[in-house]
Amino acid sequence: MLYEYIPLKDQNIDLIAKEMNMLVYNNALAVPLIAFLQGVVGLVGYLIIGVPDPWFWFVITAITSMLPFVGAAAAYIPLGIYMFSVGPSWKGTAVLLWGFLVIGLVDNVFRIVIQRKWGDVHPLITAFGVIIGVNLFGFVGLIFGPIVIAMFLLLMKIYINEFATRRSTRQQIKKE
């Protein structure tokens, strides 16, 4: 039924359906998976360093890793400061180094690899999508923001595909 009522070429309707499915799959699975991976890597470091309540900090690290810009740093920076105040300073230093070097690397590497492999989504689409999505939709915007940006770019490509060929055909007819 959609093929009859949507004023686009059938190949463009198929492209929209395929891209939408891929984007939802990519964002709905990749974002929580990356958050979980960061939490697990954080947990390993917390257990090695001897952080009190490492499972609590695992959950906090996984949840905060979904926040734009600050990410998991919103968990391991306060933890590092806490470790400086209650124990030997090497533990605070170790938590901060583990966070910046290892947990941050997991986010940077896996986000690019997973989202590229699963959906060929450029990292800037993800970054801007998360920022805009959180402002528009709240927490759910972490997933839907990148989808909105990617769909906008896809619709621009389809618009050019649909109407650039029509315009060039009209111009060619006028010349004849």
Protein backbone atom coordinates (compact mmCIF):
# COMPACT_ATOMS: atom_id res chain seq x y z
CA MET A 1 0.00 0.00 0.00
CA LEU A 2 2.82 2.42 0.79
CA TYR A 3 4.24 2.01 -2.69
CA GLU A 4 1.02 3.44 -4.13
CA TYR A 5 0.70 6.47 -1.85
CA ILE A 6 4.25 7.65 -1.24
CA PRO A 7 5.36 9.83 -4.16
CA LEU A 8 8.82 8.30 -4.46
CA LYS A 9 10.45 5.74 -6.69
CA ASP A 10 10.06 2.20 -5.41
CA GLN A 11 13.84 1.84 -5.03
CA ASN A 12 13.90 4.87 -2.71
CA ILE A 13 11.08 3.49 -0.58
CA ASP A 14 13.04 0.24 -0.28
CA LEU A 15 16.14 2.25 0.64
CA ILE A 16 14.26 4.09 3.40
CA ALA A 17 12.95 0.82 4.85
CA LYS A 18 16.38 -0.83 4.72
CA GLU A 19 18.20 2.16 6.24
CA MET A 20 15.61 2.64 8.99
CA ASN A 21 15.81 -1.01 9.98
CA MET A 22 19.61 -0.90 10.02
CA LEU A 23 19.74 2.35 12.02
CA VAL A 24 17.31 1.17 14.68
CA TYR A 25 19.15 -2.14 14.99
CA ASN A 26 22.51 -0.39 15.16
CA ASN A 27 21.55 2.23 17.75
CA ALA A 28 19.30 0.06 19.88
CA LEU A 29 22.00 -2.59 20.25
CA ALA A 30 25.31 -0.75 19.84
CA VAL A 31 24.77 1.95 22.49
CA PRO A 32 23.86 -0.46 25.33
CA LEU A 33 26.55 -2.94 24.22
CA ILE A 34 29.27 -0.29 24.31
CA ALA A 35 28.01 0.90 27.72
CA PHE A 36 28.14 -2.67 29.02
CA LEU A 37 31.67 -3.17 27.63
CA GLN A 38 32.87 0.00 29.32
CA GLY A 39 31.29 -1.14 32.57
CA VAL A 40 32.99 -4.56 32.34
CA VAL A 41 36.38 -3.02 31.58
CA GLY A 42 35.86 -0.64 34.48
CA LEU A 43 34.90 -3.55 36.75
CA VAL A 44 38.09 -5.42 35.88
CA GLY A 45 40.16 -2.38 36.80
CA TYR A 46 38.18 -1.73 39.95
CA LEU A 47 38.69 -5.32 41.11
CA ILE A 48 42.44 -5.19 40.37
CA ILE A 49 42.87 -1.84 42.14
CA GLY A 50 40.74 -2.87 45.13
CA VAL A 51 37.94 -0.33 44.89
CA PRO A 52 35.25 -0.78 47.57
CA ASP A 53 31.90 -1.87 46.07
CA PRO A 54 33.24 -2.57 42.57
CA TRP A 55 29.84 -3.88 41.33
CA PHE A 56 28.19 -0.58 42.27
CA TRP A 57 30.85 1.29 40.32
CA PHE A 58 30.40 -1.12 37.40
CA VAL A 59 26.72 -0.14 37.17
CA ILE A 60 27.50 3.57 37.53
CA THR A 61 30.21 3.35 34.85
CA ALA A 62 27.91 1.50 32.43
CA ILE A 63 25.05 3.97 32.92
CA THR A 64 27.14 7.14 32.72
CA SER A 65 29.00 5.90 29.65
CA MET A 66 25.82 6.60 27.65
CA LEU A 67 25.93 10.31 28.51
CA PRO A 68 27.22 12.57 25.74
CA PHE A 69 30.69 14.09 26.13
CA VAL A 70 31.33 13.21 29.78
CA GLY A 71 30.46 9.53 29.45
CA ALA A 72 32.08 7.10 31.85
CA ALA A 73 34.32 9.88 33.17
CA ALA A 74 31.31 10.94 35.24
CA ALA A 75 31.88 7.71 37.18
CA TYR A 76 35.63 7.17 37.34
CA ILE A 77 36.66 10.78 38.08
CA PRO A 78 34.56 10.99 41.28
CA LEU A 79 35.72 7.47 42.15
CA GLY A 80 39.35 8.51 41.69
CA ILE A 81 38.85 11.56 43.89
CA TYR A 82 37.15 9.37 46.50
CA MET A 83 40.04 6.91 46.38
CA PHE A 84 42.51 9.78 46.97
CA SER A 85 40.56 10.84 50.04
CA VAL A 86 40.11 7.45 51.73
CA GLY A 87 43.12 5.38 50.82
CA PRO A 88 46.61 5.39 49.44
CA SER A 89 47.06 7.94 46.67
CA TRP A 90 48.31 5.30 44.23
CA LYS A 91 44.77 3.84 44.14
CA GLY A 92 43.28 7.19 43.14
CA THR A 93 45.95 7.61 40.50
CA ALA A 94 45.39 4.06 39.26
CA VAL A 95 41.61 4.57 38.96
CA LEU A 96 42.08 7.79 37.01
CA LEU A 97 44.71 6.29 34.71
CA TRP A 98 42.60 3.16 34.15
CA GLY A 99 39.59 5.34 33.38
CA PHE A 100 41.24 7.74 30.96
CA LEU A 101 43.50 5.24 29.22
CA VAL A 102 41.54 1.99 29.17
CA ILE A 103 37.83 2.75 29.69
CA GLY A 104 38.01 5.78 27.40
CA LEU A 105 39.83 3.76 24.77
CA VAL A 106 37.08 1.11 24.84
CA ASP A 107 34.52 3.79 24.02
CA ASN A 108 36.56 5.37 21.25
CA VAL A 109 37.54 2.12 19.56
CA PHE A 110 34.42 0.01 19.98
CA ARG A 111 31.96 2.79 19.14
CA ILE A 112 33.67 3.39 15.82
CA VAL A 113 34.20 -0.30 15.04
CA ILE A 114 30.76 -1.55 16.05
CA GLN A 115 28.75 1.27 14.54
CA ARG A 116 30.80 1.17 11.34
CA LYS A 117 30.46 -2.59 11.03
CA TRP A 118 26.79 -2.90 11.98
CA GLY A 119 25.42 0.13 10.25
CA ASP A 120 28.11 2.14 8.48
CA VAL A 121 27.24 5.12 10.67
CA HIS A 122 29.79 7.93 10.74
CA PRO A 123 30.94 8.81 14.29
CA LEU A 124 29.94 12.46 13.82
CA ILE A 125 26.35 11.40 13.11
CA THR A 126 26.40 9.54 16.41
CA ALA A 127 27.96 12.44 18.33
CA PHE A 128 25.65 15.15 16.97
CA GLY A 129 22.68 12.79 17.11
CA VAL A 130 23.22 12.10 20.80
CA ILE A 131 23.56 15.81 21.61
CA ILE A 132 20.46 16.79 19.67
CA GLY A 133 18.53 13.69 20.70
CA VAL A 134 19.07 14.20 24.43
CA ASN A 135 17.93 17.83 24.11
CA LEU A 136 14.81 16.86 22.15
CA PHE A 137 13.81 13.50 23.62
CA GLY A 138 15.62 13.22 26.96
CA PHE A 139 17.32 9.93 27.84
CA VAL A 140 15.65 8.09 24.94
CA GLY A 141 17.40 10.57 22.63
CA LEU A 142 20.61 8.60 23.14
CA ILE A 143 19.16 6.06 20.73
CA PHE A 144 16.76 8.14 18.61
CA GLY A 145 18.94 11.22 18.07
CA PRO A 146 21.45 9.51 15.75
CA ILE A 147 18.54 7.85 13.91
CA VAL A 148 16.91 11.25 13.27
CA ILE A 149 20.16 12.76 11.94
CA ALA A 150 20.91 9.74 9.72
CA MET A 151 17.35 9.67 8.36
CA PHE A 152 17.52 13.39 7.58
CA LEU A 153 20.71 12.82 5.57
CA LEU A 154 19.12 9.84 3.82
CA LEU A 155 16.05 11.88 2.90
CA MET A 156 18.29 14.58 1.47
CA LYS A 157 20.02 11.96 -0.68
CA ILE A 158 16.66 10.59 -1.82
CA TYR A 159 15.39 14.10 -2.59
CA ILE A 160 18.40 14.71 -4.81
CA ASN A 161 17.92 11.32 -6.46
CA GLU A 162 14.21 11.94 -7.07
CA PHE A 163 14.21 15.52 -8.21
CA ALA A 164 17.65 16.11 -9.71
CA THR A 165 16.88 13.60 -12.47
CA ARG A 166 13.45 15.16 -13.07
CA ARG A 167 14.92 18.65 -13.32
CA SER A 168 17.64 17.54 -15.74
CA THR A 169 15.00 15.77 -17.86
CA ARG A 170 12.87 18.95 -17.93
CA GLN A 171 15.88 21.03 -18.92
CA GLN A 172 16.71 18.59 -21.67
CA ILE A 173 13.11 18.71 -22.99
CA LYS A 174 13.18 22.54 -23.00
CA LYS A 175 16.40 22.52 -25.03
CA GLU A 176 14.84 20.30 -27.69
